C-alpha atoms as a PDB file:
ATOM      1  CA  MET A   1       0.000   0.000   0.000  1.00  0.00           C
ATOM      2  CA  LYS A   2       1.330   3.410  -0.962  1.00  0.00           C
ATOM      3  CA  LYS A   3       2.141   5.595   2.039  1.00  0.00           C
ATOM      4  CA  ARG A   4       0.668   9.069   2.191  1.00  0.00           C
ATOM      5  CA  LYS A   5       3.222  11.825   1.980  1.00  0.00           C
ATOM      6  CA  VAL A   6       3.618  14.523   4.582  1.00  0.00           C
ATOM      7  CA  ALA A   7       1.279  17.397   3.718  1.00  0.00           C
ATOM      8  CA  SER A   8       2.596  20.906   3.103  1.00  0.00           C
ATOM      9  CA  LEU A   9       1.364  23.842   5.159  1.00  0.00           C
ATOM     10  CA  GLU A  10      -0.705  25.049   2.221  1.00  0.00           C
ATOM     11  CA  GLU A  11      -2.340  21.636   1.828  1.00  0.00           C
ATOM     12  CA  LEU A  12      -3.068  21.464   5.543  1.00  0.00           C
ATOM     13  CA  LYS A  13      -4.558  24.969   5.464  1.00  0.00           C
ATOM     14  CA  ARG A  14      -6.940  24.020   2.637  1.00  0.00           C
ATOM     15  CA  GLU A  15      -7.972  20.858   4.476  1.00  0.00           C
ATOM     16  CA  TYR A  16      -8.455  22.866   7.682  1.00  0.00           C
ATOM     17  CA  GLN A  17     -10.764  25.297   5.884  1.00  0.00           C
ATOM     18  CA  SER A  18     -12.781  22.432   4.406  1.00  0.00           C
ATOM     19  CA  ILE A  19     -13.183  20.623   7.728  1.00  0.00           C
ATOM     20  CA  CYS A  20     -14.059  23.547  10.014  1.00  0.00           C
ATOM     21  CA  ASP A  21     -17.822  23.138   9.647  1.00  0.00           C
ATOM     22  CA  THR A  22     -17.600  19.423  10.485  1.00  0.00           C
ATOM     23  CA  ALA A  23     -15.346  20.209  13.457  1.00  0.00           C
ATOM     24  CA  GLY A  24     -17.911  22.723  14.688  1.00  0.00           C
ATOM     25  CA  ARG A  25     -20.708  20.142  14.547  1.00  0.00           C
ATOM     26  CA  PHE A  26     -18.467  17.588  16.275  1.00  0.00           C
ATOM     27  CA  GLN A  27     -17.667  20.126  18.992  1.00  0.00           C
ATOM     28  CA  ASP A  28     -21.352  20.909  19.593  1.00  0.00           C
ATOM     29  CA  GLU A  29     -22.302  17.228  19.702  1.00  0.00           C
ATOM     30  CA  LEU A  30     -19.549  16.443  22.204  1.00  0.00           C
ATOM     31  CA  CYS A  31     -20.499  19.411  24.360  1.00  0.00           C
ATOM     32  CA  HIS A  32     -24.121  18.226  24.418  1.00  0.00           C
ATOM     33  CA  GLU A  33     -23.181  14.641  25.304  1.00  0.00           C
ATOM     34  CA  LEU A  34     -20.689  15.678  28.002  1.00  0.00           C
ATOM     35  CA  THR A  35     -23.187  18.062  29.595  1.00  0.00           C
ATOM     36  CA  LYS A  36     -25.763  15.258  29.731  1.00  0.00           C
ATOM     37  CA  LEU A  37     -23.230  12.848  31.262  1.00  0.00           C
ATOM     38  CA  ILE A  38     -22.322  15.420  33.899  1.00  0.00           C
ATOM     39  CA  THR A  39     -25.970  16.082  34.747  1.00  0.00           C
ATOM     40  CA  ASP A  40     -26.955  12.392  34.786  1.00  0.00           C
ATOM     41  CA  ASN A  41     -24.110  11.598  37.190  1.00  0.00           C
ATOM     42  CA  GLY A  42     -24.926  14.451  39.568  1.00  0.00           C
ATOM     43  CA  LEU A  43     -21.606  16.257  39.075  1.00  0.00           C
ATOM     44  CA  LYS A  44     -21.282  19.992  39.676  1.00  0.00           C
ATOM     45  CA  LEU A  45     -19.676  22.310  37.127  1.00  0.00           C
ATOM     46  CA  GLY A  46     -18.253  25.689  38.109  1.00  0.00           C
ATOM     47  CA  PHE A  47     -19.653  27.064  34.832  1.00  0.00           C
ATOM     48  CA  PRO A  48     -20.822  25.615  31.474  1.00  0.00           C
ATOM     49  CA  ILE A  49     -18.369  23.571  29.404  1.00  0.00           C
ATOM     50  CA  GLN A  50     -15.923  25.724  27.449  1.00  0.00           C
ATOM     51  CA  LYS A  51     -15.287  24.840  23.817  1.00  0.00           C
ATOM     52  CA  ARG A  52     -13.141  26.073  20.942  1.00  0.00           C
ATOM     53  CA  ILE A  53     -11.900  25.174  17.468  1.00  0.00           C
ATOM     54  CA  LYS A  54      -8.137  25.671  17.186  1.00  0.00           C
ATOM     55  CA  THR A  55      -7.324  28.493  14.763  1.00  0.00           C
ATOM     56  CA  TRP A  56      -5.193  27.879  11.704  1.00  0.00           C
ATOM     57  CA  ALA A  57      -2.629  30.414  12.982  1.00  0.00           C
ATOM     58  CA  SER A  58      -2.279  28.432  16.219  1.00  0.00           C
ATOM     59  CA  ILE A  59      -1.953  25.116  14.358  1.00  0.00           C
ATOM     60  CA  LYS A  60       0.644  26.549  12.002  1.00  0.00           C
ATOM     61  CA  GLU A  61       2.682  27.940  14.894  1.00  0.00           C
ATOM     62  CA  LYS A  62       2.553  24.573  16.658  1.00  0.00           C
ATOM     63  CA  ILE A  63       3.689  22.711  13.511  1.00  0.00           C
ATOM     64  CA  ILE A  64       6.623  25.070  12.951  1.00  0.00           C
ATOM     65  CA  ASN A  65       7.748  25.374  16.592  1.00  0.00           C
ATOM     66  CA  GLN A  66       7.495  21.651  17.366  1.00  0.00           C
ATOM     67  CA  GLY A  67       8.612  20.400  13.976  1.00  0.00           C
ATOM     68  CA  LEU A  68       5.426  18.352  13.542  1.00  0.00           C
ATOM     69  CA  LYS A  69       4.698  16.506  10.322  1.00  0.00           C
ATOM     70  CA  PHE A  70       1.039  15.862   9.506  1.00  0.00           C
ATOM     71  CA  LYS A  71      -0.318  13.863   6.602  1.00  0.00           C
ATOM     72  CA  SER A  72      -3.774  15.219   7.401  1.00  0.00           C
ATOM     73  CA  ILE A  73      -5.157  17.998   9.586  1.00  0.00           C
ATOM     74  CA  LYS A  74      -7.183  15.297  11.364  1.00  0.00           C
ATOM     75  CA  GLU A  75      -3.919  14.204  12.987  1.00  0.00           C
ATOM     76  CA  CYS A  76      -4.068  17.436  15.001  1.00  0.00           C
ATOM     77  CA  GLN A  77      -5.705  15.814  18.027  1.00  0.00           C
ATOM     78  CA  ASP A  78      -6.628  19.081  19.737  1.00  0.00           C
ATOM     79  CA  LEU A  79      -8.281  20.685  16.704  1.00  0.00           C
ATOM     80  CA  VAL A  80     -11.450  20.539  18.811  1.00  0.00           C
ATOM     81  CA  GLY A  81     -10.980  21.497  22.450  1.00  0.00           C
ATOM     82  CA  LEU A  82     -13.365  21.195  25.400  1.00  0.00           C
ATOM     83  CA  ARG A  83     -12.866  22.031  29.070  1.00  0.00           C
ATOM     84  CA  SER A  84     -14.976  20.965  32.055  1.00  0.00           C
ATOM     85  CA  VAL A  85     -14.329  22.878  35.281  1.00  0.00           C
ATOM     86  CA  PHE A  86     -15.798  21.251  38.386  1.00  0.00           C
ATOM     87  CA  LEU A  87     -16.541  22.729  41.786  1.00  0.00           C
ATOM     88  CA  TYR A  88     -15.178  19.748  43.718  1.00  0.00           C
ATOM     89  CA  ARG A  89     -12.081  17.598  43.381  1.00  0.00           C
ATOM     90  CA  ARG A  90     -14.025  14.396  44.009  1.00  0.00           C
ATOM     91  CA  ASP A  91     -15.977  15.005  40.798  1.00  0.00           C
ATOM     92  CA  LEU A  92     -12.775  14.777  38.764  1.00  0.00           C
ATOM     93  CA  THR A  93     -12.307  11.142  39.769  1.00  0.00           C
ATOM     94  CA  LYS A  94     -15.951  10.328  39.040  1.00  0.00           C
ATOM     95  CA  PHE A  95     -15.849  12.071  35.673  1.00  0.00           C
ATOM     96  CA  GLU A  96     -12.607  10.333  34.685  1.00  0.00           C
ATOM     97  CA  LYS A  97     -14.397   7.000  35.034  1.00  0.00           C
ATOM     98  CA  VAL A  98     -17.427   8.271  33.082  1.00  0.00           C
ATOM     99  CA  ILE A  99     -15.162   9.407  30.226  1.00  0.00           C
ATOM    100  CA  LYS A 100     -13.301   6.094  30.120  1.00  0.00           C
ATOM    101  CA  ASP A 101     -16.568   4.136  30.158  1.00  0.00           C
ATOM    102  CA  THR A 102     -18.133   6.256  27.395  1.00  0.00           C
ATOM    103  CA  PHE A 103     -15.495   7.270  24.827  1.00  0.00           C
ATOM    104  CA  ILE A 104     -12.480   5.814  23.070  1.00  0.00           C
ATOM    105  CA  ILE A 105      -9.416   7.173  24.900  1.00  0.00           C
ATOM    106  CA  LYS A 106      -6.537   7.821  22.495  1.00  0.00           C
ATOM    107  CA  LYS A 107      -4.340   9.459  25.142  1.00  0.00           C
ATOM    108  CA  GLN A 108      -4.458  10.670  28.751  1.00  0.00           C
ATOM    109  CA  TYR A 109      -2.067  12.721  30.875  1.00  0.00           C
ATOM    110  CA  ASP A 110      -1.951  14.965  33.939  1.00  0.00           C
ATOM    111  CA  THR A 111      -0.146  18.274  33.379  1.00  0.00           C
ATOM    112  CA  SER A 112       0.992  18.473  37.014  1.00  0.00           C
ATOM    113  CA  GLU A 113       3.116  15.345  36.529  1.00  0.00           C
ATOM    114  CA  ARG A 114       5.198  17.171  33.907  1.00  0.00           C
ATOM    115  CA  LEU A 115       6.227  20.002  36.220  1.00  0.00           C
ATOM    116  CA  LYS A 116       9.632  20.114  37.863  1.00  0.00           C
ATOM    117  CA  ARG A 117      10.007  21.318  41.460  1.00  0.00           C
ATOM    118  CA  ASP A 118      10.976  24.849  40.382  1.00  0.00           C
ATOM    119  CA  GLN A 119       8.195  25.169  37.801  1.00  0.00           C
ATOM    120  CA  PHE A 120       4.773  26.735  38.201  1.00  0.00           C
ATOM    121  CA  GLY A 121       1.816  25.503  36.256  1.00  0.00           C
ATOM    122  CA  TYR A 122      -1.757  24.356  36.390  1.00  0.00           C
ATOM    123  CA  ALA A 123      -3.000  20.909  37.331  1.00  0.00           C
ATOM    124  CA  SER A 124      -5.365  19.593  34.693  1.00  0.00           C
ATOM    125  CA  ILE A 125      -6.222  16.137  33.389  1.00  0.00           C
ATOM    126  CA  HIS A 126      -6.235  15.915  29.602  1.00  0.00           C
ATOM    127  CA  PHE A 127      -7.922  13.285  27.446  1.00  0.00           C
ATOM    128  CA  ILE A 128      -7.800  12.825  23.691  1.00  0.00           C
ATOM    129  CA  ILE A 129     -11.153  11.220  22.967  1.00  0.00           C
ATOM    130  CA  GLN A 130     -13.003   9.752  20.004  1.00  0.00           C
ATOM    131  CA  LEU A 131     -16.632   8.720  19.632  1.00  0.00           C
ATOM    132  CA  PRO A 132     -17.308   4.989  20.238  1.00  0.00           C
ATOM    133  CA  LYS A 133     -17.852   2.980  17.053  1.00  0.00           C
ATOM    134  CA  GLU A 134     -21.463   2.133  17.888  1.00  0.00           C
ATOM    135  CA  TRP A 135     -22.307   5.855  17.983  1.00  0.00           C
ATOM    136  CA  LEU A 136     -21.058   6.236  14.410  1.00  0.00           C
ATOM    137  CA  LYS A 137     -23.931   4.035  13.220  1.00  0.00           C
ATOM    138  CA  VAL A 138     -26.257   6.956  13.952  1.00  0.00           C
ATOM    139  CA  PRO A 139     -26.571   8.873  10.629  1.00  0.00           C
ATOM    140  CA  THR A 140     -26.046  12.319  12.219  1.00  0.00           C
ATOM    141  CA  LEU A 141     -22.807  11.136  13.869  1.00  0.00           C
ATOM    142  CA  SER A 142     -21.312   9.053  11.059  1.00  0.00           C
ATOM    143  CA  GLU A 143     -19.247  11.981   9.709  1.00  0.00           C
ATOM    144  CA  PHE A 144     -17.239  12.174  12.973  1.00  0.00           C
ATOM    145  CA  GLY A 145     -15.486   8.808  12.629  1.00  0.00           C
ATOM    146  CA  GLU A 146     -11.973  10.213  12.299  1.00  0.00           C
ATOM    147  CA  MET A 147     -12.456  13.228  14.565  1.00  0.00           C
ATOM    148  CA  THR A 148     -10.716  13.508  17.934  1.00  0.00           C
ATOM    149  CA  SER A 149     -11.006  16.116  20.652  1.00  0.00           C
ATOM    150  CA  GLU A 150      -8.894  17.227  23.568  1.00  0.00           C
ATOM    151  CA  LEU A 151     -10.902  17.295  26.788  1.00  0.00           C
ATOM    152  CA  GLN A 152      -9.484  19.047  29.852  1.00  0.00           C
ATOM    153  CA  ILE A 153     -10.956  18.543  33.314  1.00  0.00           C
ATOM    154  CA  ARG A 154      -9.953  20.486  36.427  1.00  0.00           C
ATOM    155  CA  THR A 155     -11.398  22.063  39.563  1.00  0.00           C
ATOM    156  CA  LEU A 156     -12.416  25.712  39.787  1.00  0.00           C
ATOM    157  CA  SER A 157      -9.429  26.447  42.026  1.00  0.00           C
ATOM    158  CA  GLN A 158      -7.079  24.801  39.528  1.00  0.00           C
ATOM    159  CA  HIS A 159      -8.707  26.840  36.770  1.00  0.00           C
ATOM    160  CA  ILE A 160      -8.148  30.109  38.654  1.00  0.00           C
ATOM    161  CA  TRP A 161      -4.456  29.265  39.052  1.00  0.00           C
ATOM    162  CA  ALA A 162      -4.178  28.279  35.370  1.00  0.00           C
ATOM    163  CA  GLU A 163      -5.668  31.597  34.228  1.00  0.00           C
ATOM    164  CA  VAL A 164      -3.594  33.723  36.612  1.00  0.00           C
ATOM    165  CA  SER A 165      -0.288  31.973  35.881  1.00  0.00           C
ATOM    166  CA  HIS A 166      -0.960  32.244  32.146  1.00  0.00           C
ATOM    167  CA  GLU A 167      -1.705  35.955  32.451  1.00  0.00           C
ATOM    168  CA  LEU A 168       1.410  36.632  34.573  1.00  0.00           C
ATOM    169  CA  GLN A 169       3.578  34.347  32.379  1.00  0.00           C
ATOM    170  CA  TYR A 170       5.248  32.887  35.474  1.00  0.00           C
ATOM    171  CA  LYS A 171       6.216  29.396  34.340  1.00  0.00           C
ATOM    172  CA  SER A 172       9.241  28.783  36.604  1.00  0.00           C
ATOM    173  CA  LEU A 173      11.317  30.529  39.289  1.00  0.00           C
ATOM    174  CA  VAL A 174      13.575  32.214  36.728  1.00  0.00           C
ATOM    175  CA  ASP A 175      10.521  34.083  35.361  1.00  0.00           C
ATOM    176  CA  VAL A 176       9.536  35.543  38.733  1.00  0.00           C
ATOM    177  CA  PRO A 177      10.967  38.713  40.336  1.00  0.00           C
ATOM    178  CA  GLN A 178      12.682  37.698  43.570  1.00  0.00           C
ATOM    179  CA  ASN A 179      10.344  39.711  45.781  1.00  0.00           C
ATOM    180  CA  LEU A 180       7.294  37.945  44.265  1.00  0.00           C
ATOM    181  CA  VAL A 181       8.428  34.355  44.790  1.00  0.00           C
ATOM    182  CA  ARG A 182       6.860  33.995  48.251  1.00  0.00           C
ATOM    183  CA  PRO A 183       3.513  35.563  47.207  1.00  0.00           C
ATOM    184  CA  ILE A 184       3.374  33.193  44.228  1.00  0.00           C
ATOM    185  CA  TYR A 185       3.955  30.147  46.408  1.00  0.00           C
ATOM    186  CA  ARG A 186       1.459  31.492  48.938  1.00  0.00           C
ATOM    187  CA  ALA A 187      -1.275  31.984  46.310  1.00  0.00           C
ATOM    188  CA  SER A 188      -0.657  28.521  44.866  1.00  0.00           C
ATOM    189  CA  ALA A 189      -0.879  26.915  48.318  1.00  0.00           C
ATOM    190  CA  LEU A 190      -4.075  28.814  49.185  1.00  0.00           C
ATOM    191  CA  LEU A 191      -5.840  27.619  46.045  1.00  0.00           C
ATOM    192  CA  GLU A 192      -4.789  24.032  46.742  1.00  0.00           C
ATOM    193  CA  THR A 193      -6.083  24.453  50.294  1.00  0.00           C
ATOM    194  CA  VAL A 194      -9.456  25.620  48.940  1.00  0.00           C
ATOM    195  CA  ASP A 195      -9.906  22.282  47.161  1.00  0.00           C
ATOM    196  CA  LEU A 196      -8.948  20.364  50.301  1.00  0.00           C
ATOM    197  CA  GLU A 197     -11.303  22.412  52.499  1.00  0.00           C
ATOM    198  CA  PHE A 198     -14.199  21.904  50.089  1.00  0.00           C
ATOM    199  CA  GLU A 199     -13.595  18.157  50.316  1.00  0.00           C
ATOM    200  CA  ARG A 200     -13.634  18.380  54.104  1.00  0.00           C
ATOM    201  CA  LEU A 201     -16.827  20.455  53.986  1.00  0.00           C
ATOM    202  CA  LEU A 202     -18.539  17.855  51.790  1.00  0.00           C
ATOM    203  CA  LEU A 203     -17.521  15.040  54.133  1.00  0.00           C
ATOM    204  CA  GLU A 204     -18.790  16.910  57.194  1.00  0.00           C
ATOM    205  CA  ARG A 205     -22.029  17.705  55.361  1.00  0.00           C
ATOM    206  CA  GLU A 206     -22.529  14.043  54.521  1.00  0.00           C
ATOM    207  CA  GLU A 207     -21.888  13.135  58.148  1.00  0.00           C
ATOM    208  CA  TYR A 208     -24.508  15.691  59.277  1.00  0.00           C
ATOM    209  CA  ARG A 209     -27.085  14.469  56.750  1.00  0.00           C
ATOM    210  CA  ASN A 210     -26.562  10.838  57.802  1.00  0.00           C
ATOM    211  CA  LYS A 211     -27.245  11.782  61.404  1.00  0.00           C
ATOM    212  CA  ILE A 212     -30.473  13.680  60.755  1.00  0.00           C
ATOM    213  CA  ASP A 213     -33.102  12.048  62.983  1.00  0.00           C
ATOM    214  CA  GLN A 214     -36.475  11.899  61.246  1.00  0.00           C
ATOM    215  CA  ASN A 215     -38.191  11.596  64.627  1.00  0.00           C
ATOM    216  CA  ILE A 216     -36.802  14.840  66.036  1.00  0.00           C
ATOM    217  CA  ASN A 217     -38.376  18.143  65.018  1.00  0.00           C
ATOM    218  CA  GLN A 218     -35.793  20.620  63.680  1.00  0.00           C
ATOM    219  CA  GLU A 219     -35.710  24.084  62.177  1.00  0.00           C
ATOM    220  CA  LEU A 220     -35.647  23.883  58.388  1.00  0.00           C
ATOM    221  CA  ASN A 221     -32.413  24.119  56.428  1.00  0.00           C
ATOM    222  CA  VAL A 222     -31.530  23.152  52.877  1.00  0.00           C
ATOM    223  CA  ASP A 223     -30.217  19.729  53.929  1.00  0.00           C
ATOM    224  CA  ASN A 224     -33.196  18.487  55.910  1.00  0.00           C
ATOM    225  CA  ILE A 225     -35.582  19.967  53.311  1.00  0.00           C
ATOM    226  CA  GLU A 226     -33.898  17.932  50.585  1.00  0.00           C
ATOM    227  CA  GLN A 227     -33.928  14.777  52.708  1.00  0.00           C
ATOM    228  CA  ILE A 228     -37.614  15.127  53.555  1.00  0.00           C
ATOM    229  CA  LEU A 229     -38.656  15.832  49.956  1.00  0.00           C
ATOM    230  CA  ASP A 230     -36.560  12.894  48.711  1.00  0.00           C
ATOM    231  CA  GLY A 231     -38.503  10.649  51.092  1.00  0.00           C
ATOM    232  CA  LEU A 232     -41.983  11.978  50.338  1.00  0.00           C
ATOM    233  CA  LEU A 233     -41.972  13.046  46.677  1.00  0.00           C
ATOM    234  CA  PRO A 234     -41.321  10.861  43.593  1.00  0.00           C
ATOM    235  CA  LEU A 235     -37.565  10.775  42.972  1.00  0.00           C
ATOM    236  CA  GLN A 236     -38.148  10.887  39.198  1.00  0.00           C
ATOM    237  CA  ASN A 237     -39.294  14.502  39.582  1.00  0.00           C
ATOM    238  CA  LYS A 238     -36.077  15.593  41.290  1.00  0.00           C
ATOM    239  CA  SER A 239     -33.797  17.887  39.292  1.00  0.00           C
ATOM    240  CA  TYR A 240     -30.034  18.155  39.740  1.00  0.00           C
ATOM    241  CA  ASP A 241     -30.297  21.909  40.405  1.00  0.00           C
ATOM    242  CA  GLU A 242     -33.155  22.222  42.898  1.00  0.00           C
ATOM    243  CA  GLU A 243     -33.296  25.668  44.581  1.00  0.00           C
ATOM    244  CA  TYR A 244     -33.678  24.576  48.209  1.00  0.00           C
ATOM    245  CA  ALA A 245     -32.436  27.866  49.689  1.00  0.00           C
ATOM    246  CA  GLN A 246     -35.126  29.882  47.902  1.00  0.00           C
ATOM    247  CA  LEU A 247     -37.755  27.280  48.776  1.00  0.00           C
ATOM    248  CA  ASN A 248     -36.713  27.518  52.438  1.00  0.00           C
ATOM    249  CA  LYS A 249     -37.488  31.255  52.418  1.00  0.00           C
ATOM    250  CA  GLU A 250     -40.871  30.673  50.783  1.00  0.00           C
ATOM    251  CA  LEU A 251     -41.774  27.976  53.306  1.00  0.00           C
ATOM    252  CA  ILE A 252     -40.776  30.156  56.267  1.00  0.00           C
ATOM    253  CA  ASN A 253     -42.851  33.045  54.867  1.00  0.00           C
ATOM    254  CA  LYS A 254     -45.801  30.635  54.862  1.00  0.00           C
ATOM    255  CA  GLY A 255     -45.120  29.734  58.507  1.00  0.00           C
ATOM    256  CA  ILE A 256     -43.656  26.324  57.657  1.00  0.00           C
ATOM    257  CA  ASN A 257     -40.416  26.669  59.603  1.00  0.00           C
ATOM    258  CA  ASP A 258     -39.664  23.207  61.002  1.00  0.00           C
ATOM    259  CA  THR A 259     -39.486  19.617  59.764  1.00  0.00           C
ATOM    260  CA  GLU A 260     -42.728  18.532  61.450  1.00  0.00           C
ATOM    261  CA  LYS A 261     -44.737  21.278  59.727  1.00  0.00           C
ATOM    262  CA  LEU A 262     -43.090  20.536  56.381  1.00  0.00           C
ATOM    263  CA  ARG A 263     -43.974  16.829  56.533  1.00  0.00           C
ATOM    264  CA  LYS A 264     -47.582  17.615  57.453  1.00  0.00           C
ATOM    265  CA  PHE A 265     -47.833  20.163  54.647  1.00  0.00           C
ATOM    266  CA  VAL A 266     -46.576  17.670  52.061  1.00  0.00           C
ATOM    267  CA  PHE A 267     -48.810  14.851  53.374  1.00  0.00           C
ATOM    268  CA  ASP A 268     -51.887  17.104  53.222  1.00  0.00           C
ATOM    269  CA  ASN A 269     -51.219  18.130  49.609  1.00  0.00           C
ATOM    270  CA  LEU A 270     -49.471  15.096  48.131  1.00  0.00           C
ATOM    271  CA  GLU A 271     -52.449  13.443  46.420  1.00  0.00           C
ATOM    272  CA  TRP A 272     -53.538  16.756  44.885  1.00  0.00           C
ATOM    273  CA  ILE A 273     -50.113  17.749  43.573  1.00  0.00           C
ATOM    274  CA  LEU A 274     -49.399  14.340  41.989  1.00  0.00           C
ATOM    275  CA  SER A 275     -52.756  14.548  40.222  1.00  0.00           C
ATOM    276  CA  ARG A 276     -51.931  18.112  39.153  1.00  0.00           C
ATOM    277  CA  ASP A 277     -48.547  16.938  37.813  1.00  0.00           C
ATOM    278  CA  LYS A 278     -50.197  14.316  35.577  1.00  0.00           C
ATOM    279  CA  GLU A 279     -52.736  16.881  34.389  1.00  0.00           C
ATOM    280  CA  ARG A 280     -49.951  19.308  33.472  1.00  0.00           C
ATOM    281  CA  VAL A 281     -48.230  16.599  31.401  1.00  0.00           C
ATOM    282  CA  LYS A 282     -51.448  15.944  29.448  1.00  0.00           C
ATOM    283  CA  ASN A 283     -51.973  19.666  28.851  1.00  0.00           C
ATOM    284  CA  GLU A 284     -48.417  20.222  27.609  1.00  0.00           C
ATOM    285  CA  ILE A 285     -48.674  17.318  25.160  1.00  0.00           C
ATOM    286  CA  ALA A 286     -52.121  18.448  23.964  1.00  0.00           C
ATOM    287  CA  ASP A 287     -50.887  22.031  23.446  1.00  0.00           C
ATOM    288  CA  SER A 288     -47.868  20.861  21.457  1.00  0.00           C
ATOM    289  CA  GLU A 289     -50.046  18.674  19.223  1.00  0.00           C
ATOM    290  CA  GLN A 290     -52.546  21.459  18.660  1.00  0.00           C
ATOM    291  CA  THR A 291     -50.071  24.288  17.999  1.00  0.00           C
ATOM    292  CA  GLY A 292     -47.261  22.255  16.462  1.00  0.00           C
ATOM    293  CA  CYS A 293     -44.714  23.810  18.826  1.00  0.00           C
ATOM    294  CA  ILE A 294     -43.384  23.319  22.348  1.00  0.00           C
ATOM    295  CA  THR A 295     -43.983  26.247  24.693  1.00  0.00           C
ATOM    296  CA  CYS A 296     -42.274  24.963  27.860  1.00  0.00           C
ATOM    297  CA  PRO A 297     -38.458  25.043  28.341  1.00  0.00           C
ATOM    298  CA  PRO A 298     -36.466  22.116  26.815  1.00  0.00           C
ATOM    299  CA  GLU A 299     -35.598  20.622  30.223  1.00  0.00           C
ATOM    300  CA  ALA A 300     -39.304  20.695  31.195  1.00  0.00           C
ATOM    301  CA  TRP A 301     -40.290  19.048  27.889  1.00  0.00           C
ATOM    302  CA  GLU A 302     -37.750  16.308  28.585  1.00  0.00           C
ATOM    303  CA  ARG A 303     -39.588  15.591  31.819  1.00  0.00           C
ATOM    304  CA  VAL A 304     -42.968  15.693  30.037  1.00  0.00           C
ATOM    305  CA  MET A 305     -41.775  12.996  27.646  1.00  0.00           C
ATOM    306  CA  LYS A 306     -40.991  10.828  30.688  1.00  0.00           C
ATOM    307  CA  GLY A 307     -44.458  11.369  32.163  1.00  0.00           C
ATOM    308  CA  TYR A 308     -43.947  14.103  34.751  1.00  0.00           C
ATOM    309  CA  PHE A 309     -43.566  17.893  34.712  1.00  0.00           C
ATOM    310  CA  TYR A 310     -42.669  19.544  38.020  1.00  0.00           C
ATOM    311  CA  THR A 311     -39.343  19.314  39.861  1.00  0.00           C
ATOM    312  CA  HIS A 312     -39.362  18.839  43.634  1.00  0.00           C
ATOM    313  CA  THR A 313     -39.251  22.584  44.254  1.00  0.00           C
ATOM    314  CA  GLY A 314     -41.847  23.028  41.504  1.00  0.00           C
ATOM    315  CA  LEU A 315     -44.190  20.591  43.250  1.00  0.00           C
ATOM    316  CA  MET A 316     -43.712  22.491  46.515  1.00  0.00           C
ATOM    317  CA  ARG A 317     -44.386  25.881  44.917  1.00  0.00           C
ATOM    318  CA  ALA A 318     -47.560  24.531  43.325  1.00  0.00           C
ATOM    319  CA  MET A 319     -48.683  23.387  46.782  1.00  0.00           C
ATOM    320  CA  LEU A 320     -47.911  26.815  48.233  1.00  0.00           C
ATOM    321  CA  ASN A 321     -49.827  28.500  45.395  1.00  0.00           C
ATOM    322  CA  LYS A 322     -52.803  26.240  46.110  1.00  0.00           C
ATOM    323  CA  GLU A 323     -52.752  27.462  49.703  1.00  0.00           C
ATOM    324  CA  LEU A 324     -52.810  31.022  48.408  1.00  0.00           C
ATOM    325  CA  GLY A 325     -55.826  30.223  46.227  1.00  0.00           C
ATOM    326  CA  ILE A 326     -53.982  30.509  42.894  1.00  0.00           C
ATOM    327  CA  TYR A 327     -55.043  26.985  41.836  1.00  0.00           C
END
C-alpha cells in the first residue's frame, strides 16, 4: 500500500478550511453529550463547558515550533478542544471514570506530573477522545469517525491558578521577580487548600445528613428539606439543580419553619399535587399537538416525555400556590 506523503502547510490549510464546519458540529455534539453525562451523574460544574476550534494560525505555529509533520489535519488531536471545570475535586475522579466508560481514549495525561520542582503551572487532566464505534452508526454522527477532541478537566481552584499563571507568564522561578516568589507560592498553596477544604466540607455535610433524625423536630435548612422531599416526593421529579435555599425562604414566609410542619404540609397536599402533575403533562402534550410547537423550556419538555412535569421545588411551589388560592 502506498504511504501518504507529509502534507505541506498550504495543503493542511486548505484541508483545515474544508473541515471547520464538520469540526464545529463535532464540537457541539460532544459538548451536548458531556453536559448530559455530567448532569446524569450528579456532578457539579463551576460554569458551562468551554469549547473552541483551534485556529489555523495556532496550528501553524505549533507545527513550525514543534517540527510536527502531519499527513492530514485530522492528525491534530486538539483541533477541537473542550474544558470541564468542576466545583469539587471528588468530581474529577468520578468524571474520569465516566469518560473512560463512554469514549475511546486515544491518550491521557496529567499536566501536574510534567512540572519540575521549580516550575509553576496548572493541574489539569487531559484526554484525547473519540466517539465509540457504535455511535457512528447513527446517521447524524457518522461523519465524525476520524475526529478527535482534547478534553481538559480540572477544579475551579485549579482553573483560577491556570488563568492567573498564564496571564502573569510565570512558568518557573527564573521568570519571577525575587520579591514575588513567596507571594506566588502562597497563592498557589491557598488555592490548593481551597480544594482540600471543600472536600472536608462535603464530608462533614454528609456526616450531618446521615445523622439527621427523622423523629426529632428541627428548624428547616436546605439539607433536611432535601432529605424530607426525597422521602416523600417521587424521585423521578427531582432535578439536579433544585433551589432549596429559595424554597426555604418561601416555606418560612408561609409559617412552615420546622421539619414537622413541612412533613404535614406535604402529606396534606401530596395526592392533589401528583394529580396536578399528571394533568400538566397531558396539557403540555395536547398544546404541542394542537399548535405544532413546544412552549415549555427544553428541560421541562424532557420531563414531560418521561411522564412528569414539576421538579421537587416546583411541586412544593404549586402546593404553596394552592394554599394562596392561585389553583
